[in-house]
Protein backbone atom coordinates (compact mmCIF):
# COMPACT_ATOMS: atom_id res chain seq x y z
CA UNK A 1 26.36 -201.71 -85.65
CA UNK A 2 27.45 -200.94 -89.20
CA UNK A 3 30.80 -200.84 -90.89
CA UNK A 4 32.12 -201.40 -94.39
CA UNK A 5 33.62 -204.74 -93.33
CA UNK A 6 30.42 -205.98 -91.69
CA UNK A 7 28.39 -204.89 -94.73
CA UNK A 8 30.72 -206.88 -96.98
CA UNK A 9 30.38 -209.97 -94.78
CA UNK A 10 26.59 -209.66 -94.86
CA UNK A 11 26.58 -209.15 -98.64
CA UNK A 12 28.57 -212.32 -99.41
CA UNK A 13 26.36 -214.96 -100.98
CA UNK A 14 26.99 -218.21 -102.81
CA UNK A 15 26.50 -217.74 -106.55
CA UNK A 16 25.75 -220.76 -108.71
CA UNK A 17 25.15 -219.03 -112.05
CA UNK A 18 27.88 -217.20 -113.91
CA UNK A 19 28.07 -215.16 -117.10
CA UNK A 20 30.56 -216.27 -119.76
CA UNK A 21 32.54 -213.03 -119.31
CA UNK A 22 36.15 -213.97 -118.48
CA UNK A 23 37.89 -212.64 -115.42
CA UNK A 24 40.81 -210.28 -115.85
CA UNK A 25 44.15 -211.50 -114.49
CA UNK A 26 44.22 -208.60 -111.99
CA UNK A 27 40.83 -209.70 -110.58
CA UNK A 28 42.10 -213.23 -110.03
CA UNK A 29 45.33 -211.96 -108.50
CA UNK A 30 43.42 -209.61 -106.17
CA UNK A 31 41.28 -212.37 -104.66
CA UNK A 32 44.29 -214.68 -104.29
CA UNK A 33 46.29 -211.90 -102.63
CA UNK A 34 43.42 -211.31 -100.20
CA UNK A 35 43.38 -215.03 -99.41
CA UNK A 36 47.06 -214.86 -98.52
CA UNK A 37 46.39 -212.19 -95.88
CA UNK A 38 44.55 -214.78 -93.77
CA UNK A 39 45.88 -215.69 -90.35
CA UNK A 40 47.71 -219.00 -89.99
CA UNK A 41 49.29 -220.87 -87.10
CA UNK A 42 52.79 -219.53 -86.49
CA UNK A 43 52.41 -217.67 -89.80
CA UNK A 44 53.16 -220.92 -91.66
CA UNK A 45 50.87 -219.96 -94.57
CA UNK A 46 50.34 -223.58 -95.74
CA UNK A 47 48.17 -222.63 -98.72
CA UNK A 48 48.62 -223.03 -102.45
CA UNK A 49 46.11 -221.92 -105.09
CA UNK A 50 45.77 -223.71 -108.41
CA UNK A 51 43.92 -221.61 -111.01
CA UNK A 52 41.91 -223.71 -113.48
CA UNK A 53 40.46 -222.16 -116.63
CA UNK A 54 40.62 -225.17 -118.97
CA UNK A 55 37.02 -226.14 -119.90
CA UNK A 56 37.93 -229.82 -120.11
CA UNK A 57 39.37 -229.87 -116.59
CA UNK A 58 36.38 -227.92 -115.25
CA UNK A 59 34.10 -230.50 -116.88
CA UNK A 60 36.04 -233.34 -115.24
CA UNK A 61 35.75 -231.67 -111.83
CA UNK A 62 32.00 -231.17 -112.33
CA UNK A 63 31.56 -234.80 -113.41
CA UNK A 64 33.43 -236.22 -110.44
CA UNK A 65 31.72 -233.98 -107.86
CA UNK A 66 28.36 -234.24 -109.63
CA UNK A 67 28.01 -230.48 -109.34
CA UNK A 68 26.55 -229.01 -112.52
CA UNK A 69 26.43 -226.60 -114.25
CA UNK A 70 28.08 -223.84 -112.23
CA UNK A 71 31.45 -225.56 -111.94
CA UNK A 72 31.64 -225.60 -115.73
CA UNK A 73 30.08 -222.13 -116.18
CA UNK A 74 32.50 -220.33 -113.88
CA UNK A 75 35.33 -218.78 -115.87
CA UNK A 76 37.81 -219.69 -113.12
CA UNK A 77 38.04 -222.46 -110.56
CA UNK A 78 40.46 -222.00 -107.71
CA UNK A 79 41.61 -225.32 -106.30
CA UNK A 80 42.65 -224.45 -102.76
CA UNK A 81 45.39 -226.75 -101.54
CA UNK A 82 47.71 -227.07 -98.58
CA UNK A 83 50.69 -228.92 -97.23
CA UNK A 84 49.61 -230.83 -94.09
CA UNK A 85 53.22 -231.36 -92.99
CA UNK A 86 53.69 -227.60 -92.66
CA UNK A 87 51.14 -227.20 -89.87
CA UNK A 88 48.74 -229.36 -87.85
CA UNK A 89 46.14 -226.63 -88.41
CA UNK A 90 46.63 -226.48 -92.20
CA UNK A 91 42.95 -227.09 -92.96
CA UNK A 92 41.77 -224.35 -90.57
CA UNK A 93 44.37 -221.96 -91.96
CA UNK A 94 43.26 -222.70 -95.51
CA UNK A 95 39.61 -222.26 -94.55
CA UNK A 96 40.42 -218.78 -93.25
CA UNK A 97 42.21 -218.02 -96.53
CA UNK A 98 39.21 -219.28 -98.48
CA UNK A 99 36.87 -216.98 -96.57
CA UNK A 100 39.16 -214.04 -97.39
CA UNK A 101 39.02 -215.08 -101.05
CA UNK A 102 35.20 -215.19 -100.97
CA UNK A 103 34.97 -211.77 -99.29
CA UNK A 104 37.43 -210.25 -101.78
CA UNK A 105 35.32 -211.62 -104.63
CA UNK A 106 32.26 -209.95 -103.10
CA UNK A 107 34.17 -206.67 -102.72
CA UNK A 108 35.09 -206.82 -106.43
CA UNK A 109 31.46 -207.55 -107.37
CA UNK A 110 32.32 -211.10 -108.43
CA UNK A 111 30.32 -214.21 -107.68
CA UNK A 112 31.77 -217.22 -105.91
CA UNK A 113 30.80 -220.66 -104.66
CA UNK A 114 32.82 -222.70 -102.18
CA UNK A 115 32.73 -226.47 -102.76
CA UNK A 116 34.33 -228.81 -100.25
CA UNK A 117 33.67 -232.36 -99.15
CA UNK A 118 36.90 -233.60 -97.54
CA UNK A 119 36.96 -237.15 -96.24
CA UNK A 120 34.33 -238.34 -98.71
CA UNK A 121 34.79 -240.87 -101.48
CA UNK A 122 34.00 -238.34 -104.22
CA UNK A 123 36.55 -235.89 -102.83
CA UNK A 124 39.23 -238.59 -102.68
CA UNK A 125 38.50 -239.52 -106.29
CA UNK A 126 38.70 -235.86 -107.34
CA UNK A 127 41.90 -235.28 -105.40
CA UNK A 128 43.64 -238.27 -107.00
CA UNK A 129 42.37 -237.34 -110.46
CA UNK A 130 43.61 -233.76 -110.15
CA UNK A 131 46.88 -234.94 -108.63
CA UNK A 132 47.44 -236.92 -111.85
CA UNK A 133 45.85 -234.41 -114.25
CA UNK A 134 47.38 -231.20 -112.88
CA UNK A 135 50.62 -232.65 -111.46
CA UNK A 136 49.85 -231.84 -107.82
CA UNK A 137 52.71 -233.08 -105.60
CA UNK A 138 52.06 -236.00 -103.24
CA UNK A 139 52.63 -233.90 -100.10
CA UNK A 140 49.88 -231.44 -101.09
CA UNK A 141 46.20 -231.98 -100.17
CA UNK A 142 43.17 -230.41 -101.77
CA UNK A 143 40.97 -228.50 -99.32
CA UNK A 144 38.29 -226.99 -101.56
CA UNK A 145 37.33 -225.68 -104.97
CA UNK A 146 36.02 -222.13 -105.40
CA UNK A 147 34.04 -221.27 -108.53
CA UNK A 148 34.71 -217.66 -109.44
CA UNK A 149 33.25 -215.32 -112.04
CA UNK A 150 30.79 -212.58 -112.88
CA UNK A 151 27.44 -213.42 -111.32
CA UNK A 152 24.48 -214.14 -113.59
CA UNK A 153 22.27 -214.05 -110.50
CA UNK A 154 22.35 -211.81 -107.48
CA UNK A 155 20.83 -213.55 -104.46
CA UNK A 156 19.32 -211.21 -101.89
CA UNK A 157 21.37 -210.40 -98.84
CA UNK A 158 20.66 -212.40 -95.73
CA UNK A 159 18.76 -210.48 -93.11
CA UNK A 160 20.17 -210.43 -89.60
CA UNK A 161 17.23 -212.42 -88.27
CA UNK A 162 18.06 -215.24 -90.72
CA UNK A 163 21.69 -215.53 -89.66
CA UNK A 164 22.23 -214.27 -86.14
CA UNK A 165 20.95 -216.67 -83.50
CA UNK A 166 21.58 -215.43 -79.96
CA UNK A 167 20.87 -218.96 -78.67
CA UNK A 168 24.18 -220.03 -80.23
CA UNK A 169 26.13 -217.49 -78.17
CA UNK A 170 27.21 -218.60 -74.69
CA UNK A 171 28.60 -216.17 -72.11
CA UNK A 172 31.02 -217.46 -69.51
CA UNK A 173 29.40 -220.91 -69.34
CA UNK A 174 27.42 -223.04 -71.76
CA UNK A 175 24.20 -222.55 -69.79
CA UNK A 176 24.36 -218.76 -70.17
CA UNK A 177 22.78 -218.17 -73.56
CA UNK A 178 21.98 -214.94 -75.40
CA UNK A 179 23.10 -211.46 -74.45
CA UNK A 180 20.97 -209.18 -72.39
CA UNK A 181 21.43 -205.43 -72.72
CA UNK A 182 23.28 -205.41 -69.37
CA UNK A 183 25.72 -208.10 -70.47
CA UNK A 184 26.29 -206.41 -73.81
CA UNK A 185 27.08 -203.22 -71.87
CA UNK A 186 29.58 -205.09 -69.70
CA UNK A 187 27.57 -206.21 -66.70
CA UNK A 188 24.64 -208.30 -65.57
CA UNK A 189 23.73 -211.88 -66.36
CA UNK A 190 22.76 -213.50 -69.61
CA UNK A 191 19.26 -214.83 -69.99
CA UNK A 192 18.71 -218.57 -69.99
């Protein structure tokens, strides 16, 4: 089955090498707008996006996370944040927004890399540093950092066989794994 949306999803790849070409403000706004179209519990939209272009701040983020050099090479870092008090599902909501951001970047022929390590010591250090450095309010939590820019590399698309694993699809009960043609057509039993 093919569609423009499915093709875009299959084309999305993590890019860890960026050209020095800056992003235009409309490109940044477009990916952020796409992020804001994500679903959220009770439409609470708990997300906030902090755009970082300062080379010194990017260097500090790279140093703390020990992720070099693409964090520093990317013209833009998007620090994806949320307000936990606004929704018990804030992190899931923000993850959906981040996926929209990544897909929009792909649609605009931009490269992106999603970096997240919540509940780790390094992430806590980074969160507190950026809270101080960028004046992030105390009631806001950092969910991830997305490196964004023009790709200096173009990883090959994933093939379906690499990504789709029918053994991870369960029909009706956990024991019923993988879709047979009959089940896919609306009847019959799944193979075991």
